[in-house]
Amino acid sequence: PQDLGSMWYEMNNHRPYDRTISYVECHDQCINGDDAMIWRLLG
């Protein structure tokens, strides 16, 4: 578990003018044997 201050920072870590697309996981976390987030949680 991480502190919530770091969570808030990470969720909003971009310059005001810097537009971003956020995601919990994309294909990078779900291909060729890498574990999707829910598998890391539940197994």
PDB file of all heavy atoms in Angstrom:
ATOM      1  N   PRO A   1       0.830  -1.219   0.000  1.00  0.00           N
ATOM      2  CA  PRO A   1       0.000   0.000   0.000  1.00  0.00           C
ATOM      3  C   PRO A   1       0.857   1.259   0.000  1.00  0.00           C
ATOM      4  O   PRO A   1       1.848   1.350   0.723  1.00  0.00           O
ATOM      5  CB  PRO A   1      -0.798  -0.133   1.305  1.00  0.00           C
ATOM      6  CG  PRO A   1      -0.819  -1.601   1.595  1.00  0.00           C
ATOM      7  CD  PRO A   1       0.497  -2.133   1.105  1.00  0.00           C
ATOM      8  N   GLN A   2       0.452   2.228  -0.820  1.00  0.00           N
ATOM      9  CA  GLN A   2       1.154   3.501  -0.917  1.00  0.00           C
ATOM     10  C   GLN A   2       0.350   4.579  -0.185  1.00  0.00           C
ATOM     11  O   GLN A   2      -0.856   4.455   0.013  1.00  0.00           O
ATOM     12  CB  GLN A   2       1.315   3.905  -2.387  1.00  0.00           C
ATOM     13  CG  GLN A   2       2.001   2.852  -3.247  1.00  0.00           C
ATOM     14  CD  GLN A   2       3.455   2.667  -2.906  1.00  0.00           C
ATOM     15  OE1 GLN A   2       4.223   3.620  -2.890  1.00  0.00           O
ATOM     16  NE2 GLN A   2       3.844   1.441  -2.624  1.00  0.00           N
ATOM     17  N   ASP A   3       1.028   5.640   0.226  1.00  0.00           N
ATOM     18  CA  ASP A   3       0.304   6.722   0.887  1.00  0.00           C
ATOM     19  C   ASP A   3      -0.608   7.417  -0.120  1.00  0.00           C
ATOM     20  O   ASP A   3      -0.318   7.467  -1.320  1.00  0.00           O
ATOM     21  CB  ASP A   3       1.279   7.711   1.520  1.00  0.00           C
ATOM     22  CG  ASP A   3       2.140   8.428   0.495  1.00  0.00           C
ATOM     23  OD1 ASP A   3       3.216   7.898   0.158  1.00  0.00           O
ATOM     24  OD2 ASP A   3       1.725   9.505   0.036  1.00  0.00           O
ATOM     25  N   LEU A   4      -1.717   7.969   0.374  1.00  0.00           N
ATOM     26  CA  LEU A   4      -2.719   8.558  -0.504  1.00  0.00           C
ATOM     27  C   LEU A   4      -2.234   9.850  -1.147  1.00  0.00           C
ATOM     28  O   LEU A   4      -2.703  10.229  -2.219  1.00  0.00           O
ATOM     29  CB  LEU A   4      -4.015   8.806   0.264  1.00  0.00           C
ATOM     30  CG  LEU A   4      -4.721   7.566   0.818  1.00  0.00           C
ATOM     31  CD1 LEU A   4      -6.062   7.951   1.442  1.00  0.00           C
ATOM     32  CD2 LEU A   4      -4.931   6.528  -0.270  1.00  0.00           C
ATOM     33  N   GLY A   5      -1.291  10.524  -0.485  1.00  0.00           N
ATOM     34  CA  GLY A   5      -0.725  11.720  -1.096  1.00  0.00           C
ATOM     35  C   GLY A   5      -0.018  11.399  -2.399  1.00  0.00           C
ATOM     36  O   GLY A   5      -0.161  12.123  -3.391  1.00  0.00           O
ATOM     37  N   SER A   6       0.720  10.295  -2.410  1.00  0.00           N
ATOM     38  CA  SER A   6       1.397   9.892  -3.644  1.00  0.00           C
ATOM     39  C   SER A   6       0.388   9.455  -4.691  1.00  0.00           C
ATOM     40  O   SER A   6       0.585   9.658  -5.889  1.00  0.00           O
ATOM     41  CB  SER A   6       2.395   8.753  -3.366  1.00  0.00           C
ATOM     42  OG  SER A   6       1.718   7.541  -3.051  1.00  0.00           O
ATOM     43  N   MET A   7      -0.728   8.850  -4.251  1.00  0.00           N
ATOM     44  CA  MET A   7      -1.771   8.441  -5.188  1.00  0.00           C
ATOM     45  C   MET A   7      -2.394   9.662  -5.862  1.00  0.00           C
ATOM     46  O   MET A   7      -2.558   9.693  -7.086  1.00  0.00           O
ATOM     47  CB  MET A   7      -2.854   7.635  -4.461  1.00  0.00           C
ATOM     48  CG  MET A   7      -3.950   7.111  -5.360  1.00  0.00           C
ATOM     49  SD  MET A   7      -5.238   6.229  -4.431  1.00  0.00           S
ATOM     50  CE  MET A   7      -4.309   4.829  -3.797  1.00  0.00           C
ATOM     51  N   TRP A   8      -2.730  10.669  -5.062  1.00  0.00           N
ATOM     52  CA  TRP A   8      -3.306  11.886  -5.623  1.00  0.00           C
ATOM     53  C   TRP A   8      -2.337  12.543  -6.599  1.00  0.00           C
ATOM     54  O   TRP A   8      -2.733  13.000  -7.666  1.00  0.00           O
ATOM     55  CB  TRP A   8      -3.670  12.840  -4.492  1.00  0.00           C
ATOM     56  CG  TRP A   8      -4.187  14.161  -4.961  1.00  0.00           C
ATOM     57  CD1 TRP A   8      -3.548  15.372  -4.923  1.00  0.00           C
ATOM     58  CD2 TRP A   8      -5.462  14.411  -5.560  1.00  0.00           C
ATOM     59  NE1 TRP A   8      -4.333  16.354  -5.453  1.00  0.00           N
ATOM     60  CE2 TRP A   8      -5.523  15.797  -5.859  1.00  0.00           C
ATOM     61  CE3 TRP A   8      -6.556  13.607  -5.884  1.00  0.00           C
ATOM     62  CZ2 TRP A   8      -6.628  16.390  -6.455  1.00  0.00           C
ATOM     63  CZ3 TRP A   8      -7.664  14.197  -6.479  1.00  0.00           C
ATOM     64  CH2 TRP A   8      -7.695  15.561  -6.757  1.00  0.00           C
ATOM     65  N   TYR A   9      -1.061  12.560  -6.233  1.00  0.00           N
ATOM     66  CA  TYR A   9      -0.048  13.144  -7.113  1.00  0.00           C
ATOM     67  C   TYR A   9       0.026  12.384  -8.437  1.00  0.00           C
ATOM     68  O   TYR A   9       0.044  12.982  -9.514  1.00  0.00           O
ATOM     69  CB  TYR A   9       1.315  13.124  -6.426  1.00  0.00           C
ATOM     70  CG  TYR A   9       2.458  13.500  -7.332  1.00  0.00           C
ATOM     71  CD1 TYR A   9       2.745  14.832  -7.610  1.00  0.00           C
ATOM     72  CD2 TYR A   9       3.251  12.515  -7.925  1.00  0.00           C
ATOM     73  CE1 TYR A   9       3.791  15.184  -8.455  1.00  0.00           C
ATOM     74  CE2 TYR A   9       4.296  12.849  -8.772  1.00  0.00           C
ATOM     75  CZ  TYR A   9       4.555  14.192  -9.038  1.00  0.00           C
ATOM     76  OH  TYR A   9       5.580  14.517  -9.886  1.00  0.00           O
ATOM     77  N   GLU A  10       0.048  11.057  -8.368  1.00  0.00           N
ATOM     78  CA  GLU A  10       0.200  10.260  -9.586  1.00  0.00           C
ATOM     79  C   GLU A  10      -1.010  10.381 -10.493  1.00  0.00           C
ATOM     80  O   GLU A  10      -0.879  10.433 -11.719  1.00  0.00           O
ATOM     81  CB  GLU A  10       0.438   8.789  -9.222  1.00  0.00           C
ATOM     82  CG  GLU A  10       0.924   7.948 -10.370  1.00  0.00           C
ATOM     83  CD  GLU A  10       2.267   8.404 -10.906  1.00  0.00           C
ATOM     84  OE1 GLU A  10       3.217   8.520 -10.114  1.00  0.00           O
ATOM     85  OE2 GLU A  10       2.365   8.668 -12.121  1.00  0.00           O
ATOM     86  N   MET A  11      -2.198  10.437  -9.915  1.00  0.00           N
ATOM     87  CA  MET A  11      -3.409  10.548 -10.729  1.00  0.00           C
ATOM     88  C   MET A  11      -3.468  11.879 -11.495  1.00  0.00           C
ATOM     89  O   MET A  11      -4.131  11.977 -12.529  1.00  0.00           O
ATOM     90  CB  MET A  11      -4.666  10.426  -9.856  1.00  0.00           C
ATOM     91  CG  MET A  11      -4.888   9.072  -9.204  1.00  0.00           C
ATOM     92  SD  MET A  11      -5.025   7.700 -10.360  1.00  0.00           S
ATOM     93  CE  MET A  11      -3.437   6.902 -10.067  1.00  0.00           C
ATOM     94  N   ASN A  12      -2.783  12.905 -10.978  1.00  0.00           N
ATOM     95  CA  ASN A  12      -2.865  14.243 -11.568  1.00  0.00           C
ATOM     96  C   ASN A  12      -1.494  14.782 -11.962  1.00  0.00           C
ATOM     97  O   ASN A  12      -1.299  16.000 -12.036  1.00  0.00           O
ATOM     98  CB  ASN A  12      -3.526  15.201 -10.568  1.00  0.00           C
ATOM     99  CG  ASN A  12      -4.934  14.768 -10.213  1.00  0.00           C
ATOM    100  OD1 ASN A  12      -5.872  14.965 -10.973  1.00  0.00           O
ATOM    101  ND2 ASN A  12      -5.082  14.163  -9.038  1.00  0.00           N
ATOM    102  N   ASN A  13      -0.570  13.881 -12.244  1.00  0.00           N
ATOM    103  CA  ASN A  13       0.810  14.271 -12.522  1.00  0.00           C
ATOM    104  C   ASN A  13       0.988  14.689 -13.979  1.00  0.00           C
ATOM    105  O   ASN A  13       1.423  13.910 -14.827  1.00  0.00           O
ATOM    106  CB  ASN A  13       1.747  13.105 -12.188  1.00  0.00           C
ATOM    107  CG  ASN A  13       3.201  13.456 -12.440  1.00  0.00           C
ATOM    108  OD1 ASN A  13       3.567  14.630 -12.506  1.00  0.00           O
ATOM    109  ND2 ASN A  13       4.039  12.434 -12.578  1.00  0.00           N
ATOM    110  N   HIS A  14       0.608  15.919 -14.278  1.00  0.00           N
ATOM    111  CA  HIS A  14       0.859  16.482 -15.601  1.00  0.00           C
ATOM    112  C   HIS A  14       0.774  17.997 -15.508  1.00  0.00           C
ATOM    113  O   HIS A  14       0.129  18.555 -14.608  1.00  0.00           O
ATOM    114  CB  HIS A  14      -0.141  15.959 -16.646  1.00  0.00           C
ATOM    115  CG  HIS A  14      -1.561  16.324 -16.364  1.00  0.00           C
ATOM    116  ND1 HIS A  14      -2.141  17.494 -16.801  1.00  0.00           N
ATOM    117  CD2 HIS A  14      -2.534  15.665 -15.679  1.00  0.00           C
ATOM    118  CE1 HIS A  14      -3.396  17.541 -16.417  1.00  0.00           C
ATOM    119  NE2 HIS A  14      -3.668  16.455 -15.727  1.00  0.00           N
ATOM    120  N   ARG A  15       1.445  18.662 -16.421  1.00  0.00           N
ATOM    121  CA  ARG A  15       1.391  20.116 -16.453  1.00  0.00           C
ATOM    122  C   ARG A  15      -0.024  20.563 -16.830  1.00  0.00           C
ATOM    123  O   ARG A  15      -0.734  19.841 -17.525  1.00  0.00           O
ATOM    124  CB  ARG A  15       2.400  20.664 -17.463  1.00  0.00           C
ATOM    125  CG  ARG A  15       3.821  20.177 -17.208  1.00  0.00           C
ATOM    126  CD  ARG A  15       4.758  20.588 -18.333  1.00  0.00           C
ATOM    127  NE  ARG A  15       6.075  19.989 -18.179  1.00  0.00           N
ATOM    128  CZ  ARG A  15       6.424  18.790 -18.663  1.00  0.00           C
ATOM    129  NH1 ARG A  15       5.536  18.085 -19.359  1.00  0.00           N
ATOM    130  NH2 ARG A  15       7.620  18.308 -18.467  1.00  0.00           N
ATOM    131  N   PRO A  16      -0.434  21.766 -16.418  1.00  0.00           N
ATOM    132  CA  PRO A  16      -1.805  22.208 -16.720  1.00  0.00           C
ATOM    133  C   PRO A  16      -2.133  22.186 -18.210  1.00  0.00           C
ATOM    134  O   PRO A  16      -3.268  21.904 -18.590  1.00  0.00           O
ATOM    135  CB  PRO A  16      -1.833  23.644 -16.157  1.00  0.00           C
ATOM    136  CG  PRO A  16      -0.806  23.641 -15.082  1.00  0.00           C
ATOM    137  CD  PRO A  16       0.283  22.717 -15.540  1.00  0.00           C
ATOM    138  N   TYR A  17      -1.142  22.472 -19.045  1.00  0.00           N
ATOM    139  CA  TYR A  17      -1.401  22.499 -20.485  1.00  0.00           C
ATOM    140  C   TYR A  17      -1.193  21.136 -21.139  1.00  0.00           C
ATOM    141  O   TYR A  17      -1.504  20.962 -22.317  1.00  0.00           O
ATOM    142  CB  TYR A  17      -0.470  23.512 -21.172  1.00  0.00           C
ATOM    143  CG  TYR A  17       1.003  23.153 -21.105  1.00  0.00           C
ATOM    144  CD1 TYR A  17       1.555  22.215 -21.980  1.00  0.00           C
ATOM    145  CD2 TYR A  17       1.844  23.747 -20.170  1.00  0.00           C
ATOM    146  CE1 TYR A  17       2.896  21.871 -21.911  1.00  0.00           C
ATOM    147  CE2 TYR A  17       3.182  23.424 -20.110  1.00  0.00           C
ATOM    148  CZ  TYR A  17       3.718  22.481 -20.976  1.00  0.00           C
ATOM    149  OH  TYR A  17       5.045  22.140 -20.899  1.00  0.00           O
ATOM    150  N   ASP A  18      -0.703  20.176 -20.395  1.00  0.00           N
ATOM    151  CA  ASP A  18      -0.284  18.890 -20.969  1.00  0.00           C
ATOM    152  C   ASP A  18      -1.431  17.896 -20.874  1.00  0.00           C
ATOM    153  O   ASP A  18      -1.701  17.333 -19.811  1.00  0.00           O
ATOM    154  CB  ASP A  18       0.938  18.383 -20.213  1.00  0.00           C
ATOM    155  CG  ASP A  18       1.689  17.310 -20.970  1.00  0.00           C
ATOM    156  OD1 ASP A  18       1.406  17.128 -22.166  1.00  0.00           O
ATOM    157  OD2 ASP A  18       2.576  16.671 -20.373  1.00  0.00           O
ATOM    158  N   ARG A  19      -2.148  17.675 -21.970  1.00  0.00           N
ATOM    159  CA  ARG A  19      -3.319  16.809 -21.968  1.00  0.00           C
ATOM    160  C   ARG A  19      -2.908  15.335 -21.915  1.00  0.00           C
ATOM    161  O   ARG A  19      -2.005  14.912 -22.624  1.00  0.00           O
ATOM    162  CB  ARG A  19      -4.178  17.053 -23.209  1.00  0.00           C
ATOM    163  CG  ARG A  19      -4.551  18.497 -23.461  1.00  0.00           C
ATOM    164  CD  ARG A  19      -5.171  19.195 -22.248  1.00  0.00           C
ATOM    165  NE  ARG A  19      -6.312  18.533 -21.702  1.00  0.00           N
ATOM    166  CZ  ARG A  19      -7.567  18.720 -22.111  1.00  0.00           C
ATOM    167  NH1 ARG A  19      -7.814  19.545 -23.115  1.00  0.00           N
ATOM    168  NH2 ARG A  19      -8.574  18.087 -21.535  1.00  0.00           N
ATOM    169  N   THR A  20      -3.581  14.554 -21.091  1.00  0.00           N
ATOM    170  CA  THR A  20      -3.197  13.155 -20.887  1.00  0.00           C
ATOM    171  C   THR A  20      -4.398  12.225 -21.006  1.00  0.00           C
ATOM    172  O   THR A  20      -5.537  12.612 -20.762  1.00  0.00           O
ATOM    173  CB  THR A  20      -2.542  12.949 -19.507  1.00  0.00           C
ATOM    174  OG1 THR A  20      -3.444  13.411 -18.483  1.00  0.00           O
ATOM    175  CG2 THR A  20      -1.236  13.717 -19.398  1.00  0.00           C
ATOM    176  N   ILE A  21      -4.090  10.968 -21.352  1.00  0.00           N
ATOM    177  CA  ILE A  21      -5.046   9.861 -21.344  1.00  0.00           C
ATOM    178  C   ILE A  21      -4.632   8.929 -20.219  1.00  0.00           C
ATOM    179  O   ILE A  21      -3.507   8.416 -20.205  1.00  0.00           O
ATOM    180  CB  ILE A  21      -5.045   9.081 -22.675  1.00  0.00           C
ATOM    181  CG1 ILE A  21      -5.331  10.014 -23.865  1.00  0.00           C
ATOM    182  CG2 ILE A  21      -6.040   7.926 -22.617  1.00  0.00           C
ATOM    183  CD1 ILE A  21      -6.716  10.574 -23.913  1.00  0.00           C
ATOM    184  N   SER A  22      -5.516   8.704 -19.254  1.00  0.00           N
ATOM    185  CA  SER A  22      -5.194   7.855 -18.106  1.00  0.00           C
ATOM    186  C   SER A  22      -5.746   6.454 -18.302  1.00  0.00           C
ATOM    187  O   SER A  22      -6.754   6.252 -18.993  1.00  0.00           O
ATOM    188  CB  SER A  22      -5.758   8.457 -16.818  1.00  0.00           C
ATOM    189  OG  SER A  22      -5.165   9.705 -16.538  1.00  0.00           O
ATOM    190  N   TYR A  23      -5.105   5.487 -17.666  1.00  0.00           N
ATOM    191  CA  TYR A  23      -5.561   4.101 -17.743  1.00  0.00           C
ATOM    192  C   TYR A  23      -4.943   3.301 -16.615  1.00  0.00           C
ATOM    193  O   TYR A  23      -3.833   3.579 -16.165  1.00  0.00           O
ATOM    194  CB  TYR A  23      -5.209   3.479 -19.097  1.00  0.00           C
ATOM    195  CG  TYR A  23      -3.736   3.518 -19.461  1.00  0.00           C
ATOM    196  CD1 TYR A  23      -2.936   2.382 -19.349  1.00  0.00           C
ATOM    197  CD2 TYR A  23      -3.129   4.689 -19.925  1.00  0.00           C
ATOM    198  CE1 TYR A  23      -1.588   2.420 -19.686  1.00  0.00           C
ATOM    199  CE2 TYR A  23      -1.793   4.731 -20.266  1.00  0.00           C
ATOM    200  CZ  TYR A  23      -1.023   3.590 -20.144  1.00  0.00           C
ATOM    201  OH  TYR A  23       0.314   3.626 -20.472  1.00  0.00           O
ATOM    202  N   VAL A  24      -5.683   2.311 -16.131  1.00  0.00           N
ATOM    203  CA  VAL A  24      -5.162   1.395 -15.117  1.00  0.00           C
ATOM    204  C   VAL A  24      -4.224   0.392 -15.772  1.00  0.00           C
ATOM    205  O   VAL A  24      -3.182   0.036 -15.222  1.00  0.00           O
ATOM    206  CB  VAL A  24      -6.316   0.667 -14.403  1.00  0.00           C
ATOM    207  CG1 VAL A  24      -5.791  -0.409 -13.457  1.00  0.00           C
ATOM    208  CG2 VAL A  24      -7.171   1.669 -13.634  1.00  0.00           C
ATOM    209  N   GLU A  25      -4.589  -0.040 -16.969  1.00  0.00           N
ATOM    210  CA  GLU A  25      -3.772  -0.990 -17.715  1.00  0.00           C
ATOM    211  C   GLU A  25      -4.170  -0.934 -19.178  1.00  0.00           C
ATOM    212  O   GLU A  25      -5.331  -0.720 -19.518  1.00  0.00           O
ATOM    213  CB  GLU A  25      -3.944  -2.415 -17.176  1.00  0.00           C
ATOM    214  CG  GLU A  25      -5.401  -2.844 -17.090  1.00  0.00           C
ATOM    215  CD  GLU A  25      -5.619  -4.046 -16.205  1.00  0.00           C
ATOM    216  OE1 GLU A  25      -4.685  -4.845 -16.015  1.00  0.00           O
ATOM    217  OE2 GLU A  25      -6.752  -4.191 -15.684  1.00  0.00           O
ATOM    218  N   CYS A  26      -3.180  -1.100 -20.040  1.00  0.00           N
ATOM    219  CA  CYS A  26      -3.430  -1.235 -21.466  1.00  0.00           C
ATOM    220  C   CYS A  26      -2.901  -2.607 -21.887  1.00  0.00           C
ATOM    221  O   CYS A  26      -2.704  -3.486 -21.036  1.00  0.00           O
ATOM    222  CB  CYS A  26      -2.767  -0.094 -22.250  1.00  0.00           C
ATOM    223  SG  CYS A  26      -0.956  -0.115 -22.202  1.00  0.00           S
ATOM    224  N   HIS A  27      -2.654  -2.806 -23.169  1.00  0.00           N
ATOM    225  CA  HIS A  27      -2.187  -4.120 -23.609  1.00  0.00           C
ATOM    226  C   HIS A  27      -0.836  -4.488 -22.986  1.00  0.00           C
ATOM    227  O   HIS A  27      -0.526  -5.668 -22.827  1.00  0.00           O
ATOM    228  CB  HIS A  27      -2.088  -4.161 -25.135  1.00  0.00           C
ATOM    229  CG  HIS A  27      -0.987  -3.312 -25.680  1.00  0.00           C
ATOM    230  ND1 HIS A  27      -1.166  -1.999 -26.044  1.00  0.00           N
ATOM    231  CD2 HIS A  27       0.333  -3.586 -25.911  1.00  0.00           C
ATOM    232  CE1 HIS A  27      -0.019  -1.508 -26.486  1.00  0.00           C
ATOM    233  NE2 HIS A  27       0.896  -2.443 -26.418  1.00  0.00           N
ATOM    234  N   ASP A  28      -0.037  -3.474 -22.619  1.00  0.00           N
ATOM    235  CA  ASP A  28       1.288  -3.752 -22.059  1.00  0.00           C
ATOM    236  C   ASP A  28       1.225  -4.648 -20.832  1.00  0.00           C
ATOM    237  O   ASP A  28       2.134  -5.441 -20.579  1.00  0.00           O
ATOM    238  CB  ASP A  28       1.991  -2.439 -21.675  1.00  0.00           C
ATOM    239  CG  ASP A  28       2.475  -1.669 -22.881  1.00  0.00           C
ATOM    240  OD1 ASP A  28       2.766  -2.302 -23.910  1.00  0.00           O
ATOM    241  OD2 ASP A  28       2.564  -0.433 -22.796  1.00  0.00           O
ATOM    242  N   GLN A  29       0.175  -4.466 -20.020  1.00  0.00           N
ATOM    243  CA  GLN A  29       0.056  -5.260 -18.794  1.00  0.00           C
ATOM    244  C   GLN A  29      -0.656  -6.597 -19.033  1.00  0.00           C
ATOM    245  O   GLN A  29      -0.812  -7.372 -18.089  1.00  0.00           O
ATOM    246  CB  GLN A  29      -0.727  -4.476 -17.740  1.00  0.00           C
ATOM    247  CG  GLN A  29       0.044  -3.335 -17.104  1.00  0.00           C
ATOM    248  CD  GLN A  29       0.213  -2.149 -18.015  1.00  0.00           C
ATOM    249  OE1 GLN A  29      -0.701  -1.789 -18.750  1.00  0.00           O
ATOM    250  NE2 GLN A  29       1.382  -1.519 -17.975  1.00  0.00           N
ATOM    251  N   CYS A  30      -1.062  -6.885 -20.257  1.00  0.00           N
ATOM    252  CA  CYS A  30      -1.950  -8.025 -20.480  1.00  0.00           C
ATOM    253  C   CYS A  30      -1.484  -8.953 -21.592  1.00  0.00           C
ATOM    254  O   CYS A  30      -2.298  -9.732 -22.110  1.00  0.00           O
ATOM    255  CB  CYS A  30      -3.358  -7.529 -20.814  1.00  0.00           C
ATOM    256  SG  CYS A  30      -4.054  -6.409 -19.601  1.00  0.00           S
ATOM    257  N   ILE A  31      -0.218  -8.890 -22.006  1.00  0.00           N
ATOM    258  CA  ILE A  31       0.217  -9.717 -23.125  1.00  0.00           C
ATOM    259  C   ILE A  31       1.414 -10.574 -22.755  1.00  0.00           C
ATOM    260  O   ILE A  31       2.199 -10.246 -21.861  1.00  0.00           O
ATOM    261  CB  ILE A  31       0.555  -8.866 -24.373  1.00  0.00           C
ATOM    262  CG1 ILE A  31       1.712  -7.893 -24.088  1.00  0.00           C
ATOM    263  CG2 ILE A  31      -0.663  -8.113 -24.857  1.00  0.00           C
ATOM    264  CD1 ILE A  31       2.176  -7.120 -25.306  1.00  0.00           C
ATOM    265  N   ASN A  32       1.518 -11.705 -23.468  1.00  0.00           N
ATOM    266  CA  ASN A  32       2.675 -12.605 -23.367  1.00  0.00           C
ATOM    267  C   ASN A  32       3.039 -12.974 -21.938  1.00  0.00           C
ATOM    268  O   ASN A  32       4.202 -12.939 -21.528  1.00  0.00           O
ATOM    269  CB  ASN A  32       3.877 -11.994 -24.081  1.00  0.00           C
ATOM    270  CG  ASN A  32       3.735 -12.058 -25.592  1.00  0.00           C
ATOM    271  OD1 ASN A  32       3.038 -12.929 -26.123  1.00  0.00           O
ATOM    272  ND2 ASN A  32       4.376 -11.138 -26.288  1.00  0.00           N
ATOM    273  N   GLY A  33       2.019 -13.312 -21.148  1.00  0.00           N
ATOM    274  CA  GLY A  33       2.286 -13.819 -19.814  1.00  0.00           C
ATOM    275  C   GLY A  33       2.399 -12.775 -18.748  1.00  0.00           C
ATOM    276  O   GLY A  33       2.497 -13.105 -17.562  1.00  0.00           O
ATOM    277  N   ASP A  34       2.409 -11.477 -19.100  1.00  0.00           N
ATOM    278  CA  ASP A  34       2.399 -10.446 -18.076  1.00  0.00           C
ATOM    279  C   ASP A  34       1.040 -10.466 -17.390  1.00  0.00           C
ATOM    280  O   ASP A  34       0.040 -10.869 -17.979  1.00  0.00           O
ATOM    281  CB  ASP A  34       2.667  -9.076 -18.709  1.00  0.00           C
ATOM    282  CG  ASP A  34       3.185  -8.079 -17.686  1.00  0.00           C
ATOM    283  OD1 ASP A  34       3.294  -8.454 -16.498  1.00  0.00           O
ATOM    284  OD2 ASP A  34       3.490  -6.933 -18.064  1.00  0.00           O
ATOM    285  N   ASP A  35       0.992 -10.039 -16.147  1.00  0.00           N
ATOM    286  CA  ASP A  35      -0.228 -10.183 -15.362  1.00  0.00           C
ATOM    287  C   ASP A  35      -1.080  -8.926 -15.404  1.00  0.00           C
ATOM    288  O   ASP A  35      -0.605  -7.826 -15.092  1.00  0.00           O
ATOM    289  CB  ASP A  35       0.116 -10.490 -13.902  1.00  0.00           C
ATOM    290  CG  ASP A  35       0.718 -11.874 -13.748  1.00  0.00           C
ATOM    291  OD1 ASP A  35       0.414 -12.735 -14.580  1.00  0.00           O
ATOM    292  OD2 ASP A  35       1.484 -12.091 -12.789  1.00  0.00           O
ATOM    293  N   ALA A  36      -2.349  -9.083 -15.778  1.00  0.00           N
ATOM    294  CA  ALA A  36      -3.305  -7.994 -15.669  1.00  0.00           C
ATOM    295  C   ALA A  36      -3.487  -7.655 -14.192  1.00  0.00           C
ATOM    296  O   ALA A  36      -3.187  -8.461 -13.307  1.00  0.00           O
ATOM    297  CB  ALA A  36      -4.639  -8.404 -16.294  1.00  0.00           C
ATOM    298  N   MET A  37      -3.985  -6.454 -13.917  1.00  0.00           N
ATOM    299  CA  MET A  37      -4.090  -6.000 -12.527  1.00  0.00           C
ATOM    300  C   MET A  37      -4.971  -6.913 -11.686  1.00  0.00           C
ATOM    301  O   MET A  37      -4.656  -7.207 -10.535  1.00  0.00           O
ATOM    302  CB  MET A  37      -4.638  -4.567 -12.497  1.00  0.00           C
ATOM    303  CG  MET A  37      -3.730  -3.534 -13.113  1.00  0.00           C
ATOM    304  SD  MET A  37      -2.122  -3.399 -12.256  1.00  0.00           S
ATOM    305  CE  MET A  37      -1.332  -2.158 -13.307  1.00  0.00           C
ATOM    306  N   ILE A  38      -6.083  -7.375 -12.254  1.00  0.00           N
ATOM    307  CA  ILE A  38      -6.981  -8.189 -11.440  1.00  0.00           C
ATOM    308  C   ILE A  38      -6.352  -9.545 -11.123  1.00  0.00           C
ATOM    309  O   ILE A  38      -6.582 -10.117 -10.060  1.00  0.00           O
ATOM    310  CB  ILE A  38      -8.359  -8.342 -12.117  1.00  0.00           C
ATOM    311  CG1 ILE A  38      -9.386  -8.823 -11.084  1.00  0.00           C
ATOM    312  CG2 ILE A  38      -8.302  -9.270 -13.335  1.00  0.00           C
ATOM    313  CD1 ILE A  38     -10.805  -8.632 -11.488  1.00  0.00           C
ATOM    314  N   TRP A  39      -5.518 -10.056 -12.035  1.00  0.00           N
ATOM    315  CA  TRP A  39      -4.834 -11.325 -11.743  1.00  0.00           C
ATOM    316  C   TRP A  39      -3.803 -11.119 -10.632  1.00  0.00           C
ATOM    317  O   TRP A  39      -3.622 -11.993  -9.780  1.00  0.00           O
ATOM    318  CB  TRP A  39      -4.173 -11.860 -13.004  1.00  0.00           C
ATOM    319  CG  TRP A  39      -3.538 -13.202 -12.790  1.00  0.00           C
ATOM    320  CD1 TRP A  39      -2.241 -13.471 -12.457  1.00  0.00           C
ATOM    321  CD2 TRP A  39      -4.203 -14.476 -12.860  1.00  0.00           C
ATOM    322  NE1 TRP A  39      -2.044 -14.823 -12.321  1.00  0.00           N
ATOM    323  CE2 TRP A  39      -3.223 -15.465 -12.562  1.00  0.00           C
ATOM    324  CE3 TRP A  39      -5.505 -14.873 -13.145  1.00  0.00           C
ATOM    325  CZ2 TRP A  39      -3.534 -16.812 -12.555  1.00  0.00           C
ATOM    326  CZ3 TRP A  39      -5.803 -16.226 -13.130  1.00  0.00           C
ATOM    327  CH2 TRP A  39      -4.823 -17.180 -12.836  1.00  0.00           C
ATOM    328  N   ARG A  40      -3.146  -9.970 -10.619  1.00  0.00           N
ATOM    329  CA  ARG A  40      -2.198  -9.677  -9.533  1.00  0.00           C
ATOM    330  C   ARG A  40      -2.923  -9.624  -8.200  1.00  0.00           C
ATOM    331  O   ARG A  40      -2.360  -9.966  -7.161  1.00  0.00           O
ATOM    332  CB  ARG A  40      -1.504  -8.335  -9.794  1.00  0.00           C
ATOM    333  CG  ARG A  40      -0.653  -8.296 -11.056  1.00  0.00           C
ATOM    334  CD  ARG A  40      -0.234  -6.862 -11.363  1.00  0.00           C
ATOM    335  NE  ARG A  40       0.249  -6.721 -12.722  1.00  0.00           N
ATOM    336  CZ  ARG A  40       1.525  -6.597 -13.067  1.00  0.00           C
ATOM    337  NH1 ARG A  40       2.445  -6.606 -12.136  1.00  0.00           N
ATOM    338  NH2 ARG A  40       1.879  -6.456 -14.330  1.00  0.00           N
ATOM    339  N   LEU A  41      -4.189  -9.180  -8.223  1.00  0.00           N
ATOM    340  CA  LEU A  41      -4.965  -9.064  -6.993  1.00  0.00           C
ATOM    341  C   LEU A  41      -5.561 -10.394  -6.553  1.00  0.00           C
ATOM    342  O   LEU A  41      -5.582 -10.719  -5.361  1.00  0.00           O
ATOM    343  CB  LEU A  41      -6.095  -8.051  -7.189  1.00  0.00           C
ATOM    344  CG  LEU A  41      -5.700  -6.579  -7.243  1.00  0.00           C
ATOM    345  CD1 LEU A  41      -6.833  -5.748  -7.833  1.00  0.00           C
ATOM    346  CD2 LEU A  41      -5.340  -6.075  -5.854  1.00  0.00           C
ATOM    347  N   LEU A  42      -6.071 -11.187  -7.503  1.00  0.00           N
ATOM    348  CA  LEU A  42      -6.850 -12.379  -7.158  1.00  0.00           C
ATOM    349  C   LEU A  42      -6.132 -13.694  -7.430  1.00  0.00           C
ATOM    350  O   LEU A  42      -6.391 -14.696  -6.760  1.00  0.00           O
ATOM    351  CB  LEU A  42      -8.182 -12.373  -7.918  1.00  0.00           C
ATOM    352  CG  LEU A  42      -9.077 -11.153  -7.734  1.00  0.00           C
ATOM    353  CD1 LEU A  42     -10.375 -11.344  -8.497  1.00  0.00           C
ATOM    354  CD2 LEU A  42      -9.353 -10.887  -6.274  1.00  0.00           C
ATOM    355  N   GLY A  43      -5.295 -13.731  -8.460  1.00  0.00           N
ATOM    356  CA  GLY A  43      -4.590 -14.958  -8.788  1.00  0.00           C
ATOM    357  C   GLY A  43      -5.514 -16.073  -9.253  1.00  0.00           C
ATOM    358  O   GLY A  43      -6.606 -15.836  -9.788  1.00  0.00           O
TER     359      GLY A  43
END
